């Protein structure tokens, strides 16, 4: 299946000369997944709500300030005849919810994560939430400030945080959209006063004041099809995962991105590897990353790896012009998940440190048994796409 019939020509477009204040209002009013940026009619990039939230660009600045190469990563581009599986990979690796679609070299429209999920929904009954969810989620408490939530969202490259009450139970959820909506609304009502002081006041507001409650939850044995139906039906980007007997305890999160990532599983010779922020690769290639991870896994033939996810994040600190980078590697195996994290100057150095940590953690999974039954079922269904 290709995306020709599920992409759309309907999208929001702004010129690079548009004020950032106007763009922020567009996200507040229409809640788009992304806004296409053009320069005299030529495609320039895509702005997401997450980028708006994390940027320090003033309302009077132009959109061009946010689309400069130094401020943002290149936006993904797909052909109108591209395969659904490859398009899902592009969205995951670009950490995007929408990608521009080109036909004969010209901007034709956009493709969204929702459009892909709706198209493959019937095939998702081969998966359960347990197969694809993210365990051990990052959390905040009701009393934590919005500033802390923003830092955690930025640091971990995620879009939602479970909010825990004083007893350690699930009380709500806060998302990038919740925060952006609050910040934009408050900035609109602030007309006087010290701007720095106003900003600090907003960051100190407790998460409790803006969180969503009650929270939509799901369980490990729920099918991915049912989970996605609930997300699409309620316009949620994710669901909290809880034990079947206690919906107050959070054990994980399942998001649309997790489901898209599952669509990229293949029966190819090489391990399935996804890379988030792939544009940050400098002296190492995608092929090199795959080979290095395979070398580690091959040392332990009794471990079956279904999927690997590598994520890069750039810090402000630099050494002779080279940024400090954090690399995270996460493997999904028949025994559960195993991960390694490291930092270094440049993506390759960061990846090497994370790979070394990963190998040490893999040692703890020695002796696992092979269980490919669910993988075979999954692939039989997904290969029909």
Protein backbone atom coordinates (compact mmCIF):
# COMPACT_ATOMS: atom_id res chain seq x y z
CA UNK A 1 0.00 0.00 0.00
CA UNK A 2 1.28 3.47 -0.86
CA UNK A 3 0.15 6.83 0.49
CA UNK A 4 -1.33 8.20 -2.74
CA UNK A 5 -4.90 7.75 -1.54
CA UNK A 6 -4.45 8.73 2.11
CA UNK A 7 -2.33 11.89 1.76
CA UNK A 8 -4.24 15.16 1.58
CA UNK A 9 -3.89 18.50 -0.15
CA UNK A 10 -5.47 20.27 2.85
CA UNK A 11 -2.91 21.86 5.15
CA UNK A 12 -2.05 25.14 6.87
CA UNK A 13 0.69 27.17 5.20
CA UNK A 14 2.57 30.30 6.30
CA UNK A 15 5.36 32.35 4.75
CA UNK A 16 8.77 32.73 6.42
CA UNK A 17 7.89 36.38 7.01
CA UNK A 18 4.88 35.60 9.22
CA UNK A 19 5.06 36.73 12.88
CA UNK A 20 5.63 33.94 15.40
CA UNK A 21 2.79 35.32 17.52
CA UNK A 22 0.36 34.59 14.69
CA UNK A 23 1.73 31.06 14.28
CA UNK A 24 1.34 30.36 18.00
CA UNK A 25 -2.29 31.48 17.72
CA UNK A 26 -2.83 29.06 14.83
CA UNK A 27 -1.80 26.16 17.04
CA UNK A 28 -4.11 27.38 19.77
CA UNK A 29 -7.10 27.84 17.47
CA UNK A 30 -6.81 24.84 15.16
CA UNK A 31 -4.52 22.34 16.94
CA UNK A 32 -2.80 21.32 13.67
CA UNK A 33 -0.18 18.55 13.69
CA UNK A 34 2.18 20.84 11.86
CA UNK A 35 2.30 24.00 9.74
CA UNK A 36 3.98 24.06 6.34
CA UNK A 37 6.43 26.95 5.89
CA UNK A 38 7.12 28.38 2.43
CA UNK A 39 9.40 31.07 1.06
CA UNK A 40 7.86 32.89 -1.89
CA UNK A 41 5.82 29.77 -2.58
CA UNK A 42 8.75 27.33 -2.31
CA UNK A 43 8.72 24.69 0.43
CA UNK A 44 10.92 25.63 3.39
CA UNK A 45 10.01 23.31 6.25
CA UNK A 46 7.45 22.26 8.86
CA UNK A 47 6.85 23.79 12.29
CA UNK A 48 5.45 21.57 15.05
CA UNK A 49 3.79 22.56 18.28
CA UNK A 50 6.69 21.01 20.18
CA UNK A 51 9.16 23.29 18.41
CA UNK A 52 7.01 26.30 19.26
CA UNK A 53 6.92 25.31 22.92
CA UNK A 54 10.64 24.67 23.19
CA UNK A 55 11.77 27.74 21.24
CA UNK A 56 12.71 31.06 22.81
CA UNK A 57 11.73 33.05 19.72
CA UNK A 58 9.72 36.17 20.56
CA UNK A 59 6.21 36.73 19.18
CA UNK A 60 7.41 39.67 17.07
CA UNK A 61 10.11 37.56 15.38
CA UNK A 62 9.52 36.07 11.95
CA UNK A 63 8.96 32.37 11.23
CA UNK A 64 12.32 32.38 9.42
CA UNK A 65 14.01 32.58 12.85
CA UNK A 66 12.66 29.12 13.69
CA UNK A 67 13.36 27.47 10.34
CA UNK A 68 17.05 28.37 10.20
CA UNK A 69 19.28 25.27 9.99
CA UNK A 70 20.87 26.19 13.32
CA UNK A 71 17.49 26.11 15.06
CA UNK A 72 15.70 23.15 13.52
CA UNK A 73 16.31 19.82 11.84
CA UNK A 74 15.44 19.25 8.17
CA UNK A 75 11.80 18.26 7.74
CA UNK A 76 11.01 14.85 6.28
CA UNK A 77 9.91 14.63 2.66
CA UNK A 78 8.04 11.77 1.03
CA UNK A 79 6.87 11.02 -2.50
CA UNK A 80 3.15 10.68 -3.13
CA UNK A 81 3.68 7.08 -4.27
CA UNK A 82 5.81 6.13 -1.23
CA UNK A 83 5.08 2.91 0.66
CA UNK A 84 3.14 3.20 3.93
CA UNK A 85 5.82 1.30 5.85
CA UNK A 86 8.61 3.61 4.64
CA UNK A 87 6.50 6.70 5.33
CA UNK A 88 5.91 5.48 8.89
CA UNK A 89 9.68 5.08 9.30
CA UNK A 90 10.29 8.62 8.04
CA UNK A 91 7.80 10.08 10.53
CA UNK A 92 9.28 8.11 13.44
CA UNK A 93 12.88 8.98 12.63
CA UNK A 94 12.01 12.65 12.16
CA UNK A 95 10.01 12.73 15.40
CA UNK A 96 7.17 14.24 13.35
CA UNK A 97 3.40 13.89 13.11
CA UNK A 98 3.14 15.30 9.61
CA UNK A 99 5.37 15.23 6.53
CA UNK A 100 5.15 17.15 3.23
CA UNK A 101 4.24 15.05 0.21
CA UNK A 102 5.83 15.80 -3.15
CA UNK A 103 4.76 14.87 -6.65
CA UNK A 104 7.09 15.43 -9.59
CA UNK A 105 9.33 17.51 -7.36
CA UNK A 106 6.54 19.91 -6.31
CA UNK A 107 4.81 20.20 -2.94
CA UNK A 108 1.50 18.36 -3.36
CA UNK A 109 0.13 18.01 0.17
CA UNK A 110 0.83 16.35 3.51
CA UNK A 111 0.60 12.95 5.16
CA UNK A 112 -0.23 12.61 8.87
CA UNK A 113 0.30 9.87 11.43
CA UNK A 114 -3.48 9.61 11.88
CA UNK A 115 -4.04 8.98 8.17
CA UNK A 116 -1.55 6.09 8.21
CA UNK A 117 -3.02 4.56 11.37
CA UNK A 118 -6.56 4.76 10.02
CA UNK A 119 -5.44 3.03 6.81
CA UNK A 120 -3.82 0.07 8.60
CA UNK A 121 -6.20 -0.19 11.55
CA UNK A 122 -7.64 -3.59 10.58
CA UNK A 123 -4.15 -5.11 10.48
CA UNK A 124 -3.31 -4.10 14.03
CA UNK A 125 -5.26 -6.91 15.69
CA UNK A 126 -2.07 -9.01 15.43
CA UNK A 127 -0.46 -6.79 18.07
CA UNK A 128 -1.19 -6.17 21.73
CA UNK A 129 -0.28 -3.14 23.80
CA UNK A 130 2.37 -5.26 25.54
CA UNK A 131 4.15 -5.83 22.22
CA UNK A 132 4.79 -2.17 21.50
CA UNK A 133 4.31 0.04 24.58
CA UNK A 134 7.09 1.99 26.32
CA UNK A 135 7.71 0.81 29.87
CA UNK A 136 8.88 2.83 32.90
CA UNK A 137 7.59 6.25 31.77
CA UNK A 138 9.00 9.55 32.97
CA UNK A 139 6.58 11.15 35.46
CA UNK A 140 5.93 14.39 37.35
CA UNK A 141 4.00 15.14 40.53
CA UNK A 142 1.00 17.42 40.91
CA UNK A 143 3.16 20.03 42.68
CA UNK A 144 5.96 20.11 40.08
CA UNK A 145 6.14 23.34 38.08
CA UNK A 146 5.42 23.63 34.38
CA UNK A 147 9.08 24.54 33.88
CA UNK A 148 10.14 21.11 35.13
CA UNK A 149 7.62 19.43 32.85
CA UNK A 150 8.95 21.35 29.84
CA UNK A 151 12.52 20.32 30.66
CA UNK A 152 11.54 16.65 30.98
CA UNK A 153 9.60 16.70 27.71
CA UNK A 154 12.57 18.30 25.96
CA UNK A 155 15.20 16.05 27.57
CA UNK A 156 13.43 12.80 26.73
CA UNK A 157 11.94 13.83 23.39
CA UNK A 158 8.41 12.88 24.47
CA UNK A 159 5.03 14.59 24.29
CA UNK A 160 3.25 13.52 27.51
CA UNK A 161 3.94 12.94 31.18
CA UNK A 162 1.85 10.97 33.69
CA UNK A 163 1.10 13.13 36.77
CA UNK A 164 1.28 11.34 40.13
CA UNK A 165 -0.42 12.40 43.37
CA UNK A 166 1.16 12.43 46.83
CA UNK A 167 0.39 8.72 47.23
CA UNK A 168 2.20 7.81 44.00
CA UNK A 169 -0.98 7.03 42.08
CA UNK A 170 -2.00 8.32 38.64
CA UNK A 171 -3.81 11.65 38.96
CA UNK A 172 -3.64 13.06 35.45
CA UNK A 173 -1.54 13.60 32.34
CA UNK A 174 0.13 16.72 30.97
CA UNK A 175 1.09 17.07 27.30
CA UNK A 176 2.99 19.52 25.13
CA UNK A 177 -0.38 20.72 23.83
CA UNK A 178 -1.65 21.39 27.37
CA UNK A 179 1.45 23.47 28.12
CA UNK A 180 1.47 25.32 24.80
CA UNK A 181 -2.21 26.14 25.14
CA UNK A 182 -1.68 27.50 28.65
CA UNK A 183 1.41 29.54 27.79
CA UNK A 184 -0.19 31.07 24.68
CA UNK A 185 -3.38 31.89 26.56
CA UNK A 186 -1.49 33.53 29.43
CA UNK A 187 0.73 35.53 27.09
CA UNK A 188 -2.36 36.89 25.36
CA UNK A 189 -3.79 38.17 28.64
CA UNK A 190 -0.50 39.71 29.83
CA UNK A 191 -0.18 43.29 28.64
CA UNK A 192 2.01 44.90 31.29
CA UNK A 193 4.74 43.98 33.71
CA UNK A 194 8.24 42.64 33.53
CA UNK A 195 8.45 40.00 30.79
CA UNK A 196 11.15 37.97 32.55
CA UNK A 197 9.09 37.97 35.73
CA UNK A 198 5.99 36.93 33.83
CA UNK A 199 7.83 34.04 32.18
CA UNK A 200 9.17 32.81 35.51
CA UNK A 201 5.69 32.97 37.00
CA UNK A 202 4.34 30.76 34.22
CA UNK A 203 7.11 28.20 34.72
CA UNK A 204 6.34 28.00 38.45
CA UNK A 205 2.63 27.23 37.98
CA UNK A 206 2.01 23.67 39.27
CA UNK A 207 1.29 20.96 36.72
CA UNK A 208 -1.91 20.23 38.64
CA UNK A 209 -3.44 23.44 37.28
CA UNK A 210 -3.22 22.39 33.61
CA UNK A 211 -3.21 18.57 33.64
CA UNK A 212 -5.99 16.49 32.10
CA UNK A 213 -7.96 14.34 34.53
CA UNK A 214 -9.33 11.68 34.63
CA UNK A 215 -6.87 9.82 32.40
CA UNK A 216 -7.63 7.39 29.58
CA UNK A 217 -5.86 4.11 30.36
CA UNK A 218 -5.39 0.74 28.72
CA UNK A 219 -3.95 -2.65 29.69
CA UNK A 220 -1.21 -4.88 28.32
CA UNK A 221 -3.60 -7.44 26.81
CA UNK A 222 -5.58 -4.87 24.81
CA UNK A 223 -5.07 -5.16 21.06
CA UNK A 224 -3.23 -2.36 19.30
CA UNK A 225 -6.28 -2.02 17.05
CA UNK A 226 -8.52 -1.20 20.02
CA UNK A 227 -5.94 1.15 21.55
CA UNK A 228 -5.54 3.07 18.28
CA UNK A 229 -9.31 3.27 17.80
CA UNK A 230 -9.58 4.93 21.20
CA UNK A 231 -6.75 7.34 20.42
CA UNK A 232 -8.23 8.32 17.06
CA UNK A 233 -11.79 8.52 18.40
CA UNK A 234 -10.84 10.81 21.29
CA UNK A 235 -8.04 12.72 19.53
CA UNK A 236 -5.43 11.40 21.97
CA UNK A 237 -1.79 10.94 20.97
CA UNK A 238 -1.28 8.29 23.65
CA UNK A 239 -2.76 6.25 26.50
CA UNK A 240 -1.41 5.38 29.93
CA UNK A 241 -0.79 1.65 30.46
CA UNK A 242 -1.88 0.19 33.80
CA UNK A 243 -2.31 -3.30 35.33
CA UNK A 244 -5.69 -4.86 34.62
CA UNK A 245 -6.58 -4.85 38.32
CA UNK A 246 -5.49 -1.30 39.25
CA UNK A 247 -5.81 1.71 36.94
CA UNK A 248 -4.09 3.95 39.50
CA UNK A 249 -0.65 2.42 38.85
CA UNK A 250 1.25 3.46 35.72
CA UNK A 251 3.54 0.85 34.16
CA UNK A 252 3.98 2.44 30.74
CA UNK A 253 2.68 4.56 27.89
CA UNK A 254 1.53 3.64 24.40
CA UNK A 255 1.53 6.35 21.75
CA UNK A 256 0.76 6.65 18.07
CA UNK A 257 4.51 6.78 17.48
CA UNK A 258 4.93 3.37 19.16
CA UNK A 259 2.35 1.94 16.75
CA UNK A 260 3.97 3.57 13.71
CA UNK A 261 7.29 2.09 14.79
CA UNK A 262 5.72 -1.39 14.85
CA UNK A 263 4.60 -0.91 11.25
CA UNK A 264 8.24 -0.72 10.20
CA UNK A 265 9.07 -4.24 11.46
CA UNK A 266 10.30 -6.33 8.52
CA UNK A 267 11.66 -9.78 7.76
CA UNK A 268 14.77 -8.37 6.12
CA UNK A 269 18.22 -9.82 6.83
CA UNK A 270 19.25 -6.81 8.86
CA UNK A 271 17.79 -5.93 12.22
CA UNK A 272 15.01 -3.35 12.20
CA UNK A 273 16.50 -0.13 13.55
CA UNK A 274 14.83 3.25 13.94
CA UNK A 275 16.83 6.45 14.46
CA UNK A 276 15.24 9.59 15.90
CA UNK A 277 16.90 12.87 14.84
CA UNK A 278 18.80 11.07 12.11
CA UNK A 279 19.89 14.43 10.67
CA UNK A 280 22.34 14.76 13.58
CA UNK A 281 24.57 11.95 12.27
CA UNK A 282 28.04 13.31 11.54
CA UNK A 283 30.92 10.84 11.15
CA UNK A 284 28.76 7.74 11.49
CA UNK A 285 26.11 6.45 9.07
CA UNK A 286 22.82 4.64 9.52
CA UNK A 287 24.50 1.49 8.16
CA UNK A 288 27.30 1.85 10.68
CA UNK A 289 24.84 2.13 13.56
CA UNK A 290 22.97 -0.98 12.45
CA UNK A 291 26.19 -2.99 12.07
CA UNK A 292 27.46 -1.98 15.51
CA UNK A 293 24.23 -2.95 17.24
CA UNK A 294 24.13 -6.25 15.35
CA UNK A 295 27.70 -6.97 16.45
CA UNK A 296 26.67 -6.59 20.10
CA UNK A 297 23.55 -8.72 19.72
CA UNK A 298 25.34 -11.45 17.75
CA UNK A 299 27.56 -12.16 20.74
CA UNK A 300 24.51 -13.50 22.55
CA UNK A 301 22.80 -15.89 20.17
CA UNK A 302 20.15 -16.80 22.74
CA UNK A 303 18.69 -13.29 22.69
CA UNK A 304 16.06 -12.46 20.07
CA UNK A 305 15.85 -8.76 19.21
CA UNK A 306 12.66 -7.63 17.49
CA UNK A 307 13.42 -3.94 17.22
CA UNK A 308 16.08 -1.34 18.04
CA UNK A 309 15.52 2.39 18.57
CA UNK A 310 18.39 4.91 18.61
CA UNK A 311 17.77 8.52 19.62
CA UNK A 312 20.09 11.52 19.50
CA UNK A 313 19.65 14.78 21.39
CA UNK A 314 21.90 17.84 21.11
CA UNK A 315 22.88 19.94 24.15
CA UNK A 316 23.90 23.60 24.12
CA UNK A 317 27.48 22.86 25.24
CA UNK A 318 30.15 22.69 22.51
CA UNK A 319 33.83 21.83 22.23
CA UNK A 320 35.67 23.44 19.30
CA UNK A 321 32.33 23.82 17.54
CA UNK A 322 31.21 20.22 18.11
CA UNK A 323 28.00 19.90 20.17
CA UNK A 324 27.62 17.71 23.22
CA UNK A 325 25.21 14.95 22.19
CA UNK A 326 23.23 12.39 24.16
CA UNK A 327 22.57 9.01 22.54
CA UNK A 328 20.00 6.50 23.74
CA UNK A 329 19.78 2.94 22.42
CA UNK A 330 16.81 0.76 23.30
CA UNK A 331 16.32 -2.86 22.23
CA UNK A 332 13.01 -4.69 22.37
CA UNK A 333 13.77 -8.37 22.95
CA UNK A 334 11.87 -11.56 23.76
CA UNK A 335 12.84 -10.94 27.40
CA UNK A 336 11.77 -7.32 27.57
CA UNK A 337 13.59 -4.06 26.93
CA UNK A 338 17.26 -3.29 27.43
CA UNK A 339 18.85 0.13 26.95
CA UNK A 340 22.07 2.10 27.06
CA UNK A 341 22.63 5.86 27.26
CA UNK A 342 25.77 7.91 26.76
CA UNK A 343 27.05 11.39 26.01
CA UNK A 344 29.94 12.67 23.92
CA UNK A 345 30.99 15.47 21.60
CA UNK A 346 29.46 14.56 18.26
CA UNK A 347 26.89 11.86 17.54
CA UNK A 348 29.44 9.11 16.89
CA UNK A 349 31.21 9.55 20.24
CA UNK A 350 27.88 9.66 22.05
CA UNK A 351 26.72 6.51 20.24
CA UNK A 352 29.93 4.62 21.16
CA UNK A 353 29.46 5.41 24.85
CA UNK A 354 25.80 4.36 24.72
CA UNK A 355 26.71 1.16 22.84
CA UNK A 356 29.24 0.21 25.52
CA UNK A 357 26.61 0.75 28.22
CA UNK A 358 24.10 -1.25 26.19
CA UNK A 359 26.45 -4.23 25.92
CA UNK A 360 26.98 -4.26 29.68
CA UNK A 361 23.23 -4.22 30.20
CA UNK A 362 22.70 -6.96 27.61
CA UNK A 363 24.85 -9.26 29.75
CA UNK A 364 22.05 -9.25 32.27
CA UNK A 365 19.74 -10.82 29.69
CA UNK A 366 21.93 -13.86 28.96
CA UNK A 367 20.09 -17.13 29.04
CA UNK A 368 16.83 -15.89 27.62
CA UNK A 369 14.76 -18.26 25.50
CA UNK A 370 13.53 -17.67 21.99
CA UNK A 371 9.88 -16.86 21.46
CA UNK A 372 9.12 -15.70 17.91
CA UNK A 373 5.47 -16.72 17.78
CA UNK A 374 4.06 -13.21 18.12
CA UNK A 375 6.63 -11.83 15.68
CA UNK A 376 5.59 -14.30 12.99
CA UNK A 377 1.94 -13.44 13.47
CA UNK A 378 2.72 -9.73 13.40
CA UNK A 379 4.75 -9.95 10.21
CA UNK A 380 2.17 -12.07 8.41
CA UNK A 381 -0.40 -9.36 9.06
CA UNK A 382 1.79 -6.35 8.38
CA UNK A 383 3.26 -7.83 5.20
CA UNK A 384 -0.23 -7.67 3.73
CA UNK A 385 0.06 -3.85 3.67
